[in-house]
PDB file of N, CA and C in Angstrom:
ATOM      1  N   UNK A   1      96.726  58.211 151.598  1.00  0.00           N
ATOM      2  CA  UNK A   1      95.616  58.158 150.384  1.00  0.00           C
ATOM      3  C   UNK A   1      94.622  59.189 150.846  1.00  0.00           C
ATOM      4  N   UNK A   2      94.113  60.265 149.643  1.00  0.00           N
ATOM      5  CA  UNK A   2      93.397  61.518 150.224  1.00  0.00           C
ATOM      6  C   UNK A   2      91.854  60.598 149.466  1.00  0.00           C
ATOM      7  N   UNK A   3      90.964  61.209 149.804  1.00  0.00           N
ATOM      8  CA  UNK A   3      89.482  60.806 149.311  1.00  0.00           C
ATOM      9  C   UNK A   3      89.207  61.646 148.341  1.00  0.00           C
ATOM     10  N   UNK A   4      88.289  61.201 147.399  1.00  0.00           N
ATOM     11  CA  UNK A   4      87.812  61.976 146.249  1.00  0.00           C
ATOM     12  C   UNK A   4      86.995  62.904 146.924  1.00  0.00           C
ATOM     13  N   UNK A   5      87.003  64.304 146.324  1.00  0.00           N
ATOM     14  CA  UNK A   5      86.127  65.201 147.082  1.00  0.00           C
ATOM     15  C   UNK A   5      84.916  65.147 146.579  1.00  0.00           C
ATOM     16  N   UNK A   6      83.583  65.342 147.149  1.00  0.00           N
ATOM     17  CA  UNK A   6      82.079  65.278 146.936  1.00  0.00           C
ATOM     18  C   UNK A   6      81.840  66.593 147.094  1.00  0.00           C
ATOM     19  N   UNK A   7      80.562  66.960 146.555  1.00  0.00           N
ATOM     20  CA  UNK A   7      79.850  68.104 146.353  1.00  0.00           C
ATOM     21  C   UNK A   7      79.819  68.507 147.998  1.00  0.00           C
ATOM     22  N   UNK A   8      79.665  67.868 149.021  1.00  0.00           N
ATOM     23  CA  UNK A   8      79.398  68.397 150.245  1.00  0.00           C
ATOM     24  C   UNK A   8      81.138  68.789 150.756  1.00  0.00           C
ATOM     25  N   UNK A   9      82.179  67.831 150.586  1.00  0.00           N
ATOM     26  CA  UNK A   9      82.990  68.722 151.001  1.00  0.00           C
ATOM     27  C   UNK A   9      83.523  69.873 150.037  1.00  0.00           C
ATOM     28  N   UNK A  10      83.492  70.018 149.056  1.00  0.00           N
ATOM     29  CA  UNK A  10      83.748  70.839 147.956  1.00  0.00           C
ATOM     30  C   UNK A  10      82.964  72.211 148.401  1.00  0.00           C
ATOM     31  N   UNK A  11      81.774  72.217 148.382  1.00  0.00           N
ATOM     32  CA  UNK A  11      80.875  73.480 148.673  1.00  0.00           C
ATOM     33  C   UNK A  11      81.174  73.829 150.271  1.00  0.00           C
ATOM     34  N   UNK A  12      81.741  73.125 151.134  1.00  0.00           N
ATOM     35  CA  UNK A  12      82.105  73.538 152.443  1.00  0.00           C
ATOM     36  C   UNK A  12      83.289  73.735 152.720  1.00  0.00           C
ATOM     37  N   UNK A  13      84.124  73.766 151.778  1.00  0.00           N
ATOM     38  CA  UNK A  13      85.710  73.922 151.935  1.00  0.00           C
ATOM     39  C   UNK A  13      86.112  75.060 152.786  1.00  0.00           C
ATOM     40  N   UNK A  14      86.498  75.255 153.792  1.00  0.00           N
ATOM     41  CA  UNK A  14      87.247  76.297 154.775  1.00  0.00           C
ATOM     42  C   UNK A  14      87.495  77.308 153.976  1.00  0.00           C
ATOM     43  N   UNK A  15      87.869  77.463 152.998  1.00  0.00           N
ATOM     44  CA  UNK A  15      88.394  78.466 152.363  1.00  0.00           C
ATOM     45  C   UNK A  15      87.423  79.191 151.559  1.00  0.00           C
ATOM     46  N   UNK A  16      85.917  78.864 151.515  1.00  0.00           N
ATOM     47  CA  UNK A  16      84.856  79.646 150.982  1.00  0.00           C
ATOM     48  C   UNK A  16      84.172  80.518 151.994  1.00  0.00           C
ATOM     49  N   UNK A  17      84.055  81.533 151.883  1.00  0.00           N
ATOM     50  CA  UNK A  17      83.213  82.523 152.790  1.00  0.00           C
ATOM     51  C   UNK A  17      81.987  82.325 152.989  1.00  0.00           C
ATOM     52  N   UNK A  18      81.274  81.882 154.140  1.00  0.00           N
ATOM     53  CA  UNK A  18      79.955  81.701 153.909  1.00  0.00           C
ATOM     54  C   UNK A  18      79.377  82.881 154.860  1.00  0.00           C
ATOM     55  N   UNK A  19      80.219  83.566 155.407  1.00  0.00           N
ATOM     56  CA  UNK A  19      79.655  84.650 156.594  1.00  0.00           C
ATOM     57  C   UNK A  19      78.619  85.604 155.823  1.00  0.00           C
ATOM     58  N   UNK A  20      78.167  86.523 156.384  1.00  0.00           N
ATOM     59  CA  UNK A  20      77.314  87.468 155.919  1.00  0.00           C
ATOM     60  C   UNK A  20      75.845  87.275 156.179  1.00  0.00           C
ATOM     61  N   UNK A  21      75.053  87.833 155.494  1.00  0.00           N
ATOM     62  CA  UNK A  21      73.593  87.796 155.851  1.00  0.00           C
ATOM     63  C   UNK A  21      72.912  88.130 154.629  1.00  0.00           C
ATOM     64  N   UNK A  22      71.595  88.200 154.401  1.00  0.00           N
ATOM     65  CA  UNK A  22      70.764  88.407 153.393  1.00  0.00           C
ATOM     66  C   UNK A  22      70.436  87.292 152.524  1.00  0.00           C
ATOM     67  N   UNK A  23      70.550  87.729 151.378  1.00  0.00           N
ATOM     68  CA  UNK A  23      70.067  86.694 150.277  1.00  0.00           C
ATOM     69  C   UNK A  23      71.611  85.867 150.182  1.00  0.00           C
ATOM     70  N   UNK A  24      72.295  86.233 149.905  1.00  0.00           N
ATOM     71  CA  UNK A  24      73.655  85.306 149.924  1.00  0.00           C
ATOM     72  C   UNK A  24      73.683  84.494 151.023  1.00  0.00           C
ATOM     73  N   UNK A  25      73.402  84.599 152.193  1.00  0.00           N
ATOM     74  CA  UNK A  25      73.488  83.563 153.359  1.00  0.00           C
ATOM     75  C   UNK A  25      72.278  82.697 152.993  1.00  0.00           C
ATOM     76  N   UNK A  26      71.121  82.847 152.850  1.00  0.00           N
ATOM     77  CA  UNK A  26      70.182  82.094 152.425  1.00  0.00           C
ATOM     78  C   UNK A  26      70.352  81.248 151.120  1.00  0.00           C
ATOM     79  N   UNK A  27      71.024  81.625 149.985  1.00  0.00           N
ATOM     80  CA  UNK A  27      71.407  80.566 149.087  1.00  0.00           C
ATOM     81  C   UNK A  27      72.592  79.730 149.371  1.00  0.00           C
ATOM     82  N   UNK A  28      73.356  79.880 150.389  1.00  0.00           N
ATOM     83  CA  UNK A  28      74.548  79.153 150.733  1.00  0.00           C
ATOM     84  C   UNK A  28      74.108  78.041 151.510  1.00  0.00           C
ATOM     85  N   UNK A  29      72.879  78.272 152.168  1.00  0.00           N
ATOM     86  CA  UNK A  29      72.290  76.996 153.018  1.00  0.00           C
ATOM     87  C   UNK A  29      71.905  75.866 151.946  1.00  0.00           C
ATOM     88  N   UNK A  30      71.448  76.354 150.582  1.00  0.00           N
ATOM     89  CA  UNK A  30      71.001  75.556 149.604  1.00  0.00           C
ATOM     90  C   UNK A  30      72.263  74.800 148.920  1.00  0.00           C
ATOM     91  N   UNK A  31      72.305  73.571 148.274  1.00  0.00           N
ATOM     92  CA  UNK A  31      73.415  72.969 147.923  1.00  0.00           C
ATOM     93  C   UNK A  31      73.526  73.485 146.471  1.00  0.00           C
ATOM     94  N   UNK A  32      74.552  73.837 146.112  1.00  0.00           N
ATOM     95  CA  UNK A  32      74.819  74.122 144.299  1.00  0.00           C
ATOM     96  C   UNK A  32      74.859  73.009 143.766  1.00  0.00           C
ATOM     97  N   UNK A  33      74.575  73.091 142.356  1.00  0.00           N
ATOM     98  CA  UNK A  33      74.697  72.087 141.523  1.00  0.00           C
ATOM     99  C   UNK A  33      76.099  72.003 141.343  1.00  0.00           C
ATOM    100  N   UNK A  34      76.143  70.428 140.879  1.00  0.00           N
ATOM    101  CA  UNK A  34      77.550  69.966 140.687  1.00  0.00           C
ATOM    102  C   UNK A  34      77.612  69.457 139.614  1.00  0.00           C
ATOM    103  N   UNK A  35      78.699  69.789 138.587  1.00  0.00           N
ATOM    104  CA  UNK A  35      78.825  68.993 137.387  1.00  0.00           C
ATOM    105  C   UNK A  35      80.063  68.457 137.292  1.00  0.00           C
ATOM    106  N   UNK A  36      80.572  67.451 136.511  1.00  0.00           N
ATOM    107  CA  UNK A  36      81.795  66.996 136.125  1.00  0.00           C
ATOM    108  C   UNK A  36      82.164  67.707 134.787  1.00  0.00           C
ATOM    109  N   UNK A  37      83.421  68.264 134.539  1.00  0.00           N
ATOM    110  CA  UNK A  37      83.775  69.071 133.677  1.00  0.00           C
ATOM    111  C   UNK A  37      83.672  68.499 132.189  1.00  0.00           C
ATOM    112  N   UNK A  38      83.809  66.977 132.295  1.00  0.00           N
ATOM    113  CA  UNK A  38      83.453  66.542 131.062  1.00  0.00           C
ATOM    114  C   UNK A  38      82.024  66.832 130.650  1.00  0.00           C
ATOM    115  N   UNK A  39      81.315  66.700 131.494  1.00  0.00           N
ATOM    116  CA  UNK A  39      79.677  66.880 131.070  1.00  0.00           C
ATOM    117  C   UNK A  39      79.752  68.181 130.560  1.00  0.00           C
ATOM    118  N   UNK A  40      80.108  69.218 130.941  1.00  0.00           N
ATOM    119  CA  UNK A  40      80.174  70.662 130.339  1.00  0.00           C
ATOM    120  C   UNK A  40      80.719  70.503 128.963  1.00  0.00           C
ATOM    121  N   UNK A  41      81.747  69.971 128.711  1.00  0.00           N
ATOM    122  CA  UNK A  41      82.784  70.238 127.750  1.00  0.00           C
ATOM    123  C   UNK A  41      82.220  69.205 126.599  1.00  0.00           C
ATOM    124  N   UNK A  42      81.572  68.196 127.007  1.00  0.00           N
ATOM    125  CA  UNK A  42      81.141  67.305 126.005  1.00  0.00           C
ATOM    126  C   UNK A  42      82.278  66.457 124.945  1.00  0.00           C
ATOM    127  N   UNK A  43      83.287  66.185 125.108  1.00  0.00           N
ATOM    128  CA  UNK A  43      84.182  65.675 124.485  1.00  0.00           C
ATOM    129  C   UNK A  43      85.245  66.792 123.846  1.00  0.00           C
ATOM    130  N   UNK A  44      84.829  68.102 124.182  1.00  0.00           N
ATOM    131  CA  UNK A  44      85.682  69.051 123.354  1.00  0.00           C
ATOM    132  C   UNK A  44      87.020  69.780 124.366  1.00  0.00           C
ATOM    133  N   UNK A  45      87.362  70.665 123.992  1.00  0.00           N
ATOM    134  CA  UNK A  45      88.542  71.348 124.747  1.00  0.00           C
ATOM    135  C   UNK A  45      87.853  72.706 125.437  1.00  0.00           C
ATOM    136  N   UNK A  46      86.845  73.343 124.975  1.00  0.00           N
ATOM    137  CA  UNK A  46      86.126  74.587 125.525  1.00  0.00           C
ATOM    138  C   UNK A  46      84.831  74.672 125.172  1.00  0.00           C
ATOM    139  N   UNK A  47      83.922  75.584 125.730  1.00  0.00           N
ATOM    140  CA  UNK A  47      82.447  75.855 125.895  1.00  0.00           C
ATOM    141  C   UNK A  47      82.586  77.306 126.266  1.00  0.00           C
ATOM    142  N   UNK A  48      81.421  77.712 125.307  1.00  0.00           N
ATOM    143  CA  UNK A  48      80.858  78.971 125.804  1.00  0.00           C
ATOM    144  C   UNK A  48      80.044  79.105 126.803  1.00  0.00           C
ATOM    145  N   UNK A  49      79.630  80.379 127.457  1.00  0.00           N
ATOM    146  CA  UNK A  49      78.908  80.137 129.004  1.00  0.00           C
ATOM    147  C   UNK A  49      78.562  81.775 128.695  1.00  0.00           C
ATOM    148  N   UNK A  50      77.118  81.908 128.918  1.00  0.00           N
ATOM    149  CA  UNK A  50      76.735  83.399 128.603  1.00  0.00           C
ATOM    150  C   UNK A  50      76.245  83.471 130.082  1.00  0.00           C
ATOM    151  N   UNK A  51      76.850  84.924 130.684  1.00  0.00           N
ATOM    152  CA  UNK A  51      76.559  85.239 131.872  1.00  0.00           C
ATOM    153  C   UNK A  51      76.133  86.754 131.880  1.00  0.00           C
ATOM    154  N   UNK A  52      74.882  86.926 132.290  1.00  0.00           N
ATOM    155  CA  UNK A  52      74.635  88.539 132.464  1.00  0.00           C
ATOM    156  C   UNK A  52      74.802  89.272 131.182  1.00  0.00           C
ATOM    157  N   UNK A  53      74.734  88.499 130.002  1.00  0.00           N
ATOM    158  CA  UNK A  53      74.870  89.270 128.735  1.00  0.00           C
ATOM    159  C   UNK A  53      76.140  89.250 128.099  1.00  0.00           C
ATOM    160  N   UNK A  54      77.104  88.783 128.887  1.00  0.00           N
ATOM    161  CA  UNK A  54      78.571  88.551 128.555  1.00  0.00           C
ATOM    162  C   UNK A  54      79.089  87.118 127.899  1.00  0.00           C
ATOM    163  N   UNK A  55      79.768  87.141 127.079  1.00  0.00           N
ATOM    164  CA  UNK A  55      80.350  85.555 126.596  1.00  0.00           C
ATOM    165  C   UNK A  55      81.564  85.396 127.539  1.00  0.00           C
ATOM    166  N   UNK A  56      81.510  84.275 127.919  1.00  0.00           N
ATOM    167  CA  UNK A  56      82.838  83.635 128.613  1.00  0.00           C
ATOM    168  C   UNK A  56      83.084  82.372 127.997  1.00  0.00           C
ATOM    169  N   UNK A  57      84.449  82.013 128.323  1.00  0.00           N
ATOM    170  CA  UNK A  57      85.016  80.838 127.607  1.00  0.00           C
ATOM    171  C   UNK A  57      85.692  80.060 128.487  1.00  0.00           C
ATOM    172  N   UNK A  58      85.315  78.702 128.871  1.00  0.00           N
ATOM    173  CA  UNK A  58      85.555  77.902 129.872  1.00  0.00           C
ATOM    174  C   UNK A  58      86.409  76.748 128.971  1.00  0.00           C
ATOM    175  N   UNK A  59      88.018  76.884 129.235  1.00  0.00           N
ATOM    176  CA  UNK A  59      88.952  75.883 128.273  1.00  0.00           C
ATOM    177  C   UNK A  59      89.555  74.762 129.404  1.00  0.00           C
ATOM    178  N   UNK A  60      89.914  73.434 129.062  1.00  0.00           N
ATOM    179  CA  UNK A  60      90.492  72.530 129.763  1.00  0.00           C
ATOM    180  C   UNK A  60      91.852  72.550 128.874  1.00  0.00           C
ATOM    181  N   UNK A  61      92.862  72.923 129.489  1.00  0.00           N
ATOM    182  CA  UNK A  61      94.305  72.661 129.305  1.00  0.00           C
ATOM    183  C   UNK A  61      94.693  71.408 129.103  1.00  0.00           C
ATOM    184  N   UNK A  62      96.233  71.184 128.624  1.00  0.00           N
ATOM    185  CA  UNK A  62      96.658  70.148 128.435  1.00  0.00           C
ATOM    186  C   UNK A  62      97.079  69.356 129.428  1.00  0.00           C
ATOM    187  N   UNK A  63      97.338  70.237 130.703  1.00  0.00           N
ATOM    188  CA  UNK A  63      97.769  69.698 132.009  1.00  0.00           C
ATOM    189  C   UNK A  63      96.300  69.281 132.797  1.00  0.00           C
ATOM    190  N   UNK A  64      95.185  69.451 132.098  1.00  0.00           N
ATOM    191  CA  UNK A  64      93.942  69.519 132.905  1.00  0.00           C
ATOM    192  C   UNK A  64      93.459  70.310 133.886  1.00  0.00           C
ATOM    193  N   UNK A  65      94.055  71.518 133.778  1.00  0.00           N
ATOM    194  CA  UNK A  65      93.450  72.814 134.319  1.00  0.00           C
ATOM    195  C   UNK A  65      92.536  73.257 133.650  1.00  0.00           C
ATOM    196  N   UNK A  66      91.703  74.161 134.227  1.00  0.00           N
ATOM    197  CA  UNK A  66      90.276  74.823 133.655  1.00  0.00           C
ATOM    198  C   UNK A  66      90.853  76.134 133.563  1.00  0.00           C
ATOM    199  N   UNK A  67      90.387  76.907 132.570  1.00  0.00           N
ATOM    200  CA  UNK A  67      90.301  78.453 132.516  1.00  0.00           C
ATOM    201  C   UNK A  67      89.311  78.754 132.197  1.00  0.00           C
ATOM    202  N   UNK A  68      88.805  80.151 132.774  1.00  0.00           N
ATOM    203  CA  UNK A  68      87.658  80.821 132.384  1.00  0.00           C
ATOM    204  C   UNK A  68      87.957  82.233 131.882  1.00  0.00           C
ATOM    205  N   UNK A  69      87.851  82.529 130.910  1.00  0.00           N
ATOM    206  CA  UNK A  69      88.032  83.741 130.321  1.00  0.00           C
ATOM    207  C   UNK A  69      86.892  84.918 129.742  1.00  0.00           C
ATOM    208  N   UNK A  70      86.879  85.909 129.951  1.00  0.00           N
ATOM    209  CA  UNK A  70      85.903  87.011 129.187  1.00  0.00           C
ATOM    210  C   UNK A  70      86.311  87.368 127.835  1.00  0.00           C
TER     211      UNK A  70
END
């Protein structure tokens, strides 16, 4: 039986590269915000995200996957 991932295990997964220096290394030491997808989607299937002046769309598929498109 596998355990449900939590913020600590997800953000410290070996596949994430926390190597380096400077500002990125300082930000990696601080835990990132963690949101449930249902909290972002609020009952819908898609949500728009503005990032650096560009609009992205985060959408849930029928199989429960998430797709982020520009």
